[in-house]
PDB file of N, CA and C in Angstrom:
ATOM      1  N   MET A   1      -7.365  -8.039  23.034  1.00  0.00           N
ATOM      2  CA  MET A   1      -7.490  -6.815  22.248  1.00  0.00           C
ATOM      3  C   MET A   1      -8.858  -6.216  22.533  1.00  0.00           C
ATOM      4  N   ASN A   2      -8.871  -4.910  22.801  1.00  0.00           N
ATOM      5  CA  ASN A   2     -10.147  -4.239  23.017  1.00  0.00           C
ATOM      6  C   ASN A   2     -10.572  -3.513  21.734  1.00  0.00           C
ATOM      7  N   ILE A   3     -11.713  -2.863  21.796  1.00  0.00           N
ATOM      8  CA  ILE A   3     -12.266  -2.214  20.598  1.00  0.00           C
ATOM      9  C   ILE A   3     -11.344  -1.107  20.088  1.00  0.00           C
ATOM     10  N   GLU A   4     -10.784  -0.296  20.977  1.00  0.00           N
ATOM     11  CA  GLU A   4      -9.904   0.792  20.534  1.00  0.00           C
ATOM     12  C   GLU A   4      -8.647   0.245  19.856  1.00  0.00           C
ATOM     13  N   GLU A   5      -8.084  -0.813  20.397  1.00  0.00           N
ATOM     14  CA  GLU A   5      -6.909  -1.429  19.773  1.00  0.00           C
ATOM     15  C   GLU A   5      -7.271  -2.022  18.415  1.00  0.00           C
ATOM     16  N   ALA A   6      -8.468  -2.613  18.333  1.00  0.00           N
ATOM     17  CA  ALA A   6      -8.937  -3.193  17.076  1.00  0.00           C
ATOM     18  C   ALA A   6      -9.116  -2.100  16.021  1.00  0.00           C
ATOM     19  N   LYS A   7      -9.698  -0.983  16.423  1.00  0.00           N
ATOM     20  CA  LYS A   7      -9.871   0.136  15.490  1.00  0.00           C
ATOM     21  C   LYS A   7      -8.515   0.647  15.007  1.00  0.00           C
ATOM     22  N   ALA A   8      -7.576   0.762  15.930  1.00  0.00           N
ATOM     23  CA  ALA A   8      -6.243   1.251  15.572  1.00  0.00           C
ATOM     24  C   ALA A   8      -5.565   0.304  14.581  1.00  0.00           C
ATOM     25  N   GLU A   9      -5.733  -0.985  14.781  1.00  0.00           N
ATOM     26  CA  GLU A   9      -5.122  -1.960  13.865  1.00  0.00           C
ATOM     27  C   GLU A   9      -5.761  -1.866  12.481  1.00  0.00           C
ATOM     28  N   CYS A  10      -7.066  -1.700  12.442  1.00  0.00           N
ATOM     29  CA  CYS A  10      -7.749  -1.554  11.155  1.00  0.00           C
ATOM     30  C   CYS A  10      -7.281  -0.289  10.441  1.00  0.00           C
ATOM     31  N   LEU A  11      -7.096   0.789  11.183  1.00  0.00           N
ATOM     32  CA  LEU A  11      -6.608   2.025  10.584  1.00  0.00           C
ATOM     33  C   LEU A  11      -5.178   1.865  10.068  1.00  0.00           C
ATOM     34  N   ARG A  12      -4.358   1.099  10.791  1.00  0.00           N
ATOM     35  CA  ARG A  12      -2.992   0.832  10.331  1.00  0.00           C
ATOM     36  C   ARG A  12      -3.015   0.060   9.013  1.00  0.00           C
ATOM     37  N   TRP A  13      -3.923  -0.909   8.912  1.00  0.00           N
ATOM     38  CA  TRP A  13      -4.051  -1.698   7.680  1.00  0.00           C
ATOM     39  C   TRP A  13      -4.530  -0.815   6.530  1.00  0.00           C
ATOM     40  N   LEU A  14      -5.507   0.034   6.802  1.00  0.00           N
ATOM     41  CA  LEU A  14      -6.003   0.936   5.758  1.00  0.00           C
ATOM     42  C   LEU A  14      -4.916   1.902   5.301  1.00  0.00           C
ATOM     43  N   SER A  15      -4.102   2.350   6.224  1.00  0.00           N
ATOM     44  CA  SER A  15      -2.982   3.220   5.878  1.00  0.00           C
ATOM     45  C   SER A  15      -2.001   2.489   4.959  1.00  0.00           C
ATOM     46  N   HIS A  16      -1.720   1.240   5.282  1.00  0.00           N
ATOM     47  CA  HIS A  16      -0.834   0.425   4.450  1.00  0.00           C
ATOM     48  C   HIS A  16      -1.410   0.292   3.030  1.00  0.00           C
ATOM     49  N   LEU A  17      -2.711   0.054   2.946  1.00  0.00           N
ATOM     50  CA  LEU A  17      -3.350  -0.052   1.626  1.00  0.00           C
ATOM     51  C   LEU A  17      -3.248   1.260   0.864  1.00  0.00           C
ATOM     52  N   GLY A  18      -3.365   2.366   1.554  1.00  0.00           N
ATOM     53  CA  GLY A  18      -3.253   3.670   0.909  1.00  0.00           C
ATOM     54  C   GLY A  18      -1.875   3.889   0.305  1.00  0.00           C
ATOM     55  N   VAL A  19      -0.850   3.485   1.026  1.00  0.00           N
ATOM     56  CA  VAL A  19       0.516   3.604   0.508  1.00  0.00           C
ATOM     57  C   VAL A  19       0.683   2.722  -0.721  1.00  0.00           C
ATOM     58  N   GLN A  20       0.167   1.502  -0.650  1.00  0.00           N
ATOM     59  CA  GLN A  20       0.257   0.589  -1.791  1.00  0.00           C
ATOM     60  C   GLN A  20      -0.490   1.142  -3.005  1.00  0.00           C
ATOM     61  N   ARG A  21      -1.656   1.725  -2.759  1.00  0.00           N
ATOM     62  CA  ARG A  21      -2.460   2.289  -3.851  1.00  0.00           C
ATOM     63  C   ARG A  21      -1.717   3.453  -4.514  1.00  0.00           C
ATOM     64  N   ALA A  22      -1.146   4.328  -3.703  1.00  0.00           N
ATOM     65  CA  ALA A  22      -0.412   5.474  -4.243  1.00  0.00           C
ATOM     66  C   ALA A  22       0.783   5.011  -5.072  1.00  0.00           C
ATOM     67  N   ARG A  23       1.474   4.004  -4.601  1.00  0.00           N
ATOM     68  CA  ARG A  23       2.628   3.453  -5.322  1.00  0.00           C
ATOM     69  C   ARG A  23       2.178   2.849  -6.665  1.00  0.00           C
ATOM     70  N   SER A  24       1.082   2.132  -6.637  1.00  0.00           N
ATOM     71  CA  SER A  24       0.543   1.533  -7.854  1.00  0.00           C
ATOM     72  C   SER A  24       0.141   2.599  -8.866  1.00  0.00           C
ATOM     73  N   GLU A  25      -0.501   3.657  -8.387  1.00  0.00           N
ATOM     74  CA  GLU A  25      -0.920   4.734  -9.282  1.00  0.00           C
ATOM     75  C   GLU A  25       0.284   5.426  -9.903  1.00  0.00           C
ATOM     76  N   GLU A  26       1.335   5.617  -9.118  1.00  0.00           N
ATOM     77  CA  GLU A  26       2.548   6.245  -9.644  1.00  0.00           C
ATOM     78  C   GLU A  26       3.201   5.351 -10.701  1.00  0.00           C
ATOM     79  N   MET A  27       3.196   4.055 -10.474  1.00  0.00           N
ATOM     80  CA  MET A  27       3.742   3.124 -11.476  1.00  0.00           C
ATOM     81  C   MET A  27       2.924   3.163 -12.763  1.00  0.00           C
ATOM     82  N   GLN A  28       1.611   3.281 -12.619  1.00  0.00           N
ATOM     83  CA  GLN A  28       0.751   3.375 -13.798  1.00  0.00           C
ATOM     84  C   GLN A  28       1.045   4.645 -14.582  1.00  0.00           C
ATOM     85  N   ARG A  29       1.243   5.752 -13.877  1.00  0.00           N
ATOM     86  CA  ARG A  29       1.576   7.011 -14.559  1.00  0.00           C
ATOM     87  C   ARG A  29       2.932   6.906 -15.260  1.00  0.00           C
ATOM     88  N   LEU A  30       3.886   6.265 -14.600  1.00  0.00           N
ATOM     89  CA  LEU A  30       5.205   6.068 -15.189  1.00  0.00           C
ATOM     90  C   LEU A  30       5.111   5.220 -16.458  1.00  0.00           C
ATOM     91  N   ALA A  31       4.346   4.149 -16.404  1.00  0.00           N
ATOM     92  CA  ALA A  31       4.170   3.288 -17.576  1.00  0.00           C
ATOM     93  C   ALA A  31       3.503   4.055 -18.719  1.00  0.00           C
ATOM     94  N   ALA A  32       2.522   4.872 -18.392  1.00  0.00           N
ATOM     95  CA  ALA A  32       1.834   5.667 -19.422  1.00  0.00           C
ATOM     96  C   ALA A  32       2.803   6.649 -20.073  1.00  0.00           C
ATOM     97  N   ARG A  33       3.638   7.301 -19.248  1.00  0.00           N
ATOM     98  CA  ARG A  33       4.627   8.232 -19.801  1.00  0.00           C
ATOM     99  C   ARG A  33       5.606   7.516 -20.724  1.00  0.00           C
ATOM    100  N   ARG A  34       5.983   6.315 -20.343  1.00  0.00           N
ATOM    101  CA  ARG A  34       6.916   5.544 -21.183  1.00  0.00           C
ATOM    102  C   ARG A  34       6.254   5.165 -22.498  1.00  0.00           C
ATOM    103  N   ARG A  35       4.992   4.727 -22.443  1.00  0.00           N
ATOM    104  CA  ARG A  35       4.270   4.370 -23.676  1.00  0.00           C
ATOM    105  C   ARG A  35       4.090   5.580 -24.584  1.00  0.00           C
ATOM    106  N   GLU A  36       3.846   6.731 -23.979  1.00  0.00           N
ATOM    107  CA  GLU A  36       3.662   7.959 -24.755  1.00  0.00           C
ATOM    108  C   GLU A  36       4.972   8.469 -25.334  1.00  0.00           C
ATOM    109  N   GLY A  37       6.072   7.987 -24.796  1.00  0.00           N
ATOM    110  CA  GLY A  37       7.372   8.431 -25.274  1.00  0.00           C
ATOM    111  C   GLY A  37       7.851   9.725 -24.639  1.00  0.00           C
ATOM    112  N   THR A  38       7.182  10.165 -23.567  1.00  0.00           N
ATOM    113  CA  THR A  38       7.603  11.400 -22.907  1.00  0.00           C
ATOM    114  C   THR A  38       8.760  11.169 -21.929  1.00  0.00           C
ATOM    115  N   ILE A  39       9.131   9.910 -21.758  1.00  0.00           N
ATOM    116  CA  ILE A  39      10.264   9.560 -20.910  1.00  0.00           C
ATOM    117  C   ILE A  39      10.996   8.398 -21.583  1.00  0.00           C
ATOM    118  N   ASP A  40      12.329   8.418 -21.541  1.00  0.00           N
ATOM    119  CA  ASP A  40      13.066   7.336 -22.190  1.00  0.00           C
ATOM    120  C   ASP A  40      13.224   6.149 -21.231  1.00  0.00           C
ATOM    121  N   ALA A  41      13.693   5.036 -21.750  1.00  0.00           N
ATOM    122  CA  ALA A  41      13.795   3.805 -20.974  1.00  0.00           C
ATOM    123  C   ALA A  41      14.714   3.964 -19.760  1.00  0.00           C
ATOM    124  N   HIS A  42      15.811   4.671 -19.945  1.00  0.00           N
ATOM    125  CA  HIS A  42      16.762   4.853 -18.840  1.00  0.00           C
ATOM    126  C   HIS A  42      16.117   5.611 -17.678  1.00  0.00           C
ATOM    127  N   ASP A  43      15.458   6.721 -17.994  1.00  0.00           N
ATOM    128  CA  ASP A  43      14.807   7.503 -16.947  1.00  0.00           C
ATOM    129  C   ASP A  43      13.645   6.740 -16.311  1.00  0.00           C
ATOM    130  N   ALA A  44      12.934   5.980 -17.119  1.00  0.00           N
ATOM    131  CA  ALA A  44      11.826   5.180 -16.588  1.00  0.00           C
ATOM    132  C   ALA A  44      12.348   4.146 -15.592  1.00  0.00           C
ATOM    133  N   LYS A  45      13.458   3.500 -15.941  1.00  0.00           N
ATOM    134  CA  LYS A  45      14.040   2.508 -15.025  1.00  0.00           C
ATOM    135  C   LYS A  45      14.517   3.175 -13.736  1.00  0.00           C
ATOM    136  N   ARG A  46      15.084   4.354 -13.851  1.00  0.00           N
ATOM    137  CA  ARG A  46      15.559   5.081 -12.679  1.00  0.00           C
ATOM    138  C   ARG A  46      14.397   5.449 -11.757  1.00  0.00           C
ATOM    139  N   GLU A  47      13.317   5.938 -12.345  1.00  0.00           N
ATOM    140  CA  GLU A  47      12.151   6.305 -11.540  1.00  0.00           C
ATOM    141  C   GLU A  47      11.485   5.071 -10.929  1.00  0.00           C
ATOM    142  N   LEU A  48      11.462   3.990 -11.680  1.00  0.00           N
ATOM    143  CA  LEU A  48      10.895   2.744 -11.161  1.00  0.00           C
ATOM    144  C   LEU A  48      11.722   2.234  -9.980  1.00  0.00           C
ATOM    145  N   ALA A  49      13.027   2.362 -10.071  1.00  0.00           N
ATOM    146  CA  ALA A  49      13.902   1.931  -8.973  1.00  0.00           C
ATOM    147  C   ALA A  49      13.603   2.732  -7.706  1.00  0.00           C
ATOM    148  N   LYS A  50      13.274   4.014  -7.846  1.00  0.00           N
ATOM    149  CA  LYS A  50      12.913   4.827  -6.683  1.00  0.00           C
ATOM    150  C   LYS A  50      11.644   4.294  -6.028  1.00  0.00           C
ATOM    151  N   LEU A  51      10.691   3.873  -6.867  1.00  0.00           N
ATOM    152  CA  LEU A  51       9.426   3.357  -6.345  1.00  0.00           C
ATOM    153  C   LEU A  51       9.579   1.976  -5.720  1.00  0.00           C
ATOM    154  N   ASP A  52      10.562   1.229  -6.171  1.00  0.00           N
ATOM    155  CA  ASP A  52      10.733  -0.149  -5.722  1.00  0.00           C
ATOM    156  C   ASP A  52      11.705  -0.297  -4.552  1.00  0.00           C
ATOM    157  N   ARG A  53      11.981   0.764  -3.863  1.00  0.00           N
ATOM    158  CA  ARG A  53      12.917   0.677  -2.733  1.00  0.00           C
ATOM    159  C   ARG A  53      12.295  -0.113  -1.592  1.00  0.00           C
ATOM    160  N   GLY A  54      12.751  -1.316  -1.442  1.00  0.00           N
ATOM    161  CA  GLY A  54      12.307  -2.152  -0.335  1.00  0.00           C
ATOM    162  C   GLY A  54      10.881  -2.628  -0.462  1.00  0.00           C
ATOM    163  N   VAL A  55      10.630  -3.731   0.159  1.00  0.00           N
ATOM    164  CA  VAL A  55       9.297  -4.320   0.169  1.00  0.00           C
ATOM    165  C   VAL A  55       8.731  -4.158   1.566  1.00  0.00           C
ATOM    166  N   THR A  56       7.524  -3.650   1.647  1.00  0.00           N
ATOM    167  CA  THR A  56       6.852  -3.516   2.925  1.00  0.00           C
ATOM    168  C   THR A  56       5.715  -4.521   2.965  1.00  0.00           C
ATOM    169  N   VAL A  57       5.750  -5.364   3.973  1.00  0.00           N
ATOM    170  CA  VAL A  57       4.735  -6.408   4.101  1.00  0.00           C
ATOM    171  C   VAL A  57       3.895  -6.108   5.334  1.00  0.00           C
ATOM    172  N   TYR A  58       2.600  -6.172   5.180  1.00  0.00           N
ATOM    173  CA  TYR A  58       1.703  -5.975   6.306  1.00  0.00           C
ATOM    174  C   TYR A  58       1.443  -7.328   6.948  1.00  0.00           C
ATOM    175  N   ASP A  59       1.655  -7.417   8.236  1.00  0.00           N
ATOM    176  CA  ASP A  59       1.392  -8.649   8.973  1.00  0.00           C
ATOM    177  C   ASP A  59      -0.070  -8.650   9.387  1.00  0.00           C
ATOM    178  N   GLY A  60      -0.848  -9.494   8.764  1.00  0.00           N
ATOM    179  CA  GLY A  60      -2.287  -9.529   8.992  1.00  0.00           C
ATOM    180  C   GLY A  60      -2.729 -10.291  10.226  1.00  0.00           C
ATOM    181  N   ALA A  61      -1.793 -10.822  11.007  1.00  0.00           N
ATOM    182  CA  ALA A  61      -2.168 -11.607  12.181  1.00  0.00           C
ATOM    183  C   ALA A  61      -3.009 -10.788  13.159  1.00  0.00           C
ATOM    184  N   LYS A  62      -2.606  -9.557  13.422  1.00  0.00           N
ATOM    185  CA  LYS A  62      -3.362  -8.720  14.342  1.00  0.00           C
ATOM    186  C   LYS A  62      -4.664  -8.242  13.710  1.00  0.00           C
ATOM    187  N   LEU A  63      -4.670  -8.097  12.399  1.00  0.00           N
ATOM    188  CA  LEU A  63      -5.884  -7.651  11.715  1.00  0.00           C
ATOM    189  C   LEU A  63      -6.994  -8.680  11.905  1.00  0.00           C
ATOM    190  N   GLU A  64      -6.653  -9.949  11.791  1.00  0.00           N
ATOM    191  CA  GLU A  64      -7.654 -11.010  11.981  1.00  0.00           C
ATOM    192  C   GLU A  64      -8.282 -10.893  13.369  1.00  0.00           C
ATOM    193  N   GLN A  65      -7.458 -10.727  14.365  1.00  0.00           N
ATOM    194  CA  GLN A  65      -7.951 -10.589  15.728  1.00  0.00           C
ATOM    195  C   GLN A  65      -8.799  -9.328  15.874  1.00  0.00           C
ATOM    196  N   ALA A  66      -8.357  -8.248  15.255  1.00  0.00           N
ATOM    197  CA  ALA A  66      -9.098  -6.987  15.320  1.00  0.00           C
ATOM    198  C   ALA A  66     -10.481  -7.122  14.703  1.00  0.00           C
ATOM    199  N   VAL A  67     -10.549  -7.778  13.570  1.00  0.00           N
ATOM    200  CA  VAL A  67     -11.838  -7.957  12.894  1.00  0.00           C
ATOM    201  C   VAL A  67     -12.773  -8.803  13.752  1.00  0.00           C
ATOM    202  N   LYS A  68     -12.243  -9.835  14.366  1.00  0.00           N
ATOM    203  CA  LYS A  68     -13.070 -10.686  15.235  1.00  0.00           C
ATOM    204  C   LYS A  68     -13.631  -9.885  16.410  1.00  0.00           C
ATOM    205  N   VAL A  69     -12.791  -9.044  17.019  1.00  0.00           N
ATOM    206  CA  VAL A  69     -13.240  -8.219  18.140  1.00  0.00           C
ATOM    207  C   VAL A  69     -14.341  -7.270  17.680  1.00  0.00           C
ATOM    208  N   LEU A  70     -14.123  -6.623  16.545  1.00  0.00           N
ATOM    209  CA  LEU A  70     -15.113  -5.663  16.058  1.00  0.00           C
ATOM    210  C   LEU A  70     -16.415  -6.342  15.654  1.00  0.00           C
ATOM    211  N   LEU A  71     -16.325  -7.512  15.067  1.00  0.00           N
ATOM    212  CA  LEU A  71     -17.557  -8.214  14.656  1.00  0.00           C
ATOM    213  C   LEU A  71     -18.396  -8.652  15.856  1.00  0.00           C
ATOM    214  N   LYS A  72     -17.748  -8.910  16.971  1.00  0.00           N
ATOM    215  CA  LYS A  72     -18.498  -9.270  18.171  1.00  0.00           C
ATOM    216  C   LYS A  72     -19.370  -8.115  18.648  1.00  0.00           C
ATOM    217  N   HIS A  73     -18.982  -6.898  18.277  1.00  0.00           N
ATOM    218  CA  HIS A  73     -19.692  -5.711  18.757  1.00  0.00           C
ATOM    219  C   HIS A  73     -20.595  -5.072  17.699  1.00  0.00           C
ATOM    220  N   VAL A  74     -20.792  -5.760  16.619  1.00  0.00           N
ATOM    221  CA  VAL A  74     -21.644  -5.210  15.556  1.00  0.00           C
ATOM    222  C   VAL A  74     -23.058  -5.739  15.734  1.00  0.00           C
TER     223      VAL A  74
END
């Protein structure tokens, strides 16, 4: 792996974290709406199901290699 590939892998990981963060924030907003009573349980479950479509797992194997390459050049 060269430096450009390492940078690209790090950016892919950061992108994955961004998606996870956005999903978490949306779940927090949904929970707040449910607590406030602005949404009923049925609608909350429906919206939660939309957010929970499939699990995306980031494979960190390449990230480890990318970090090692980048640290050699720091």
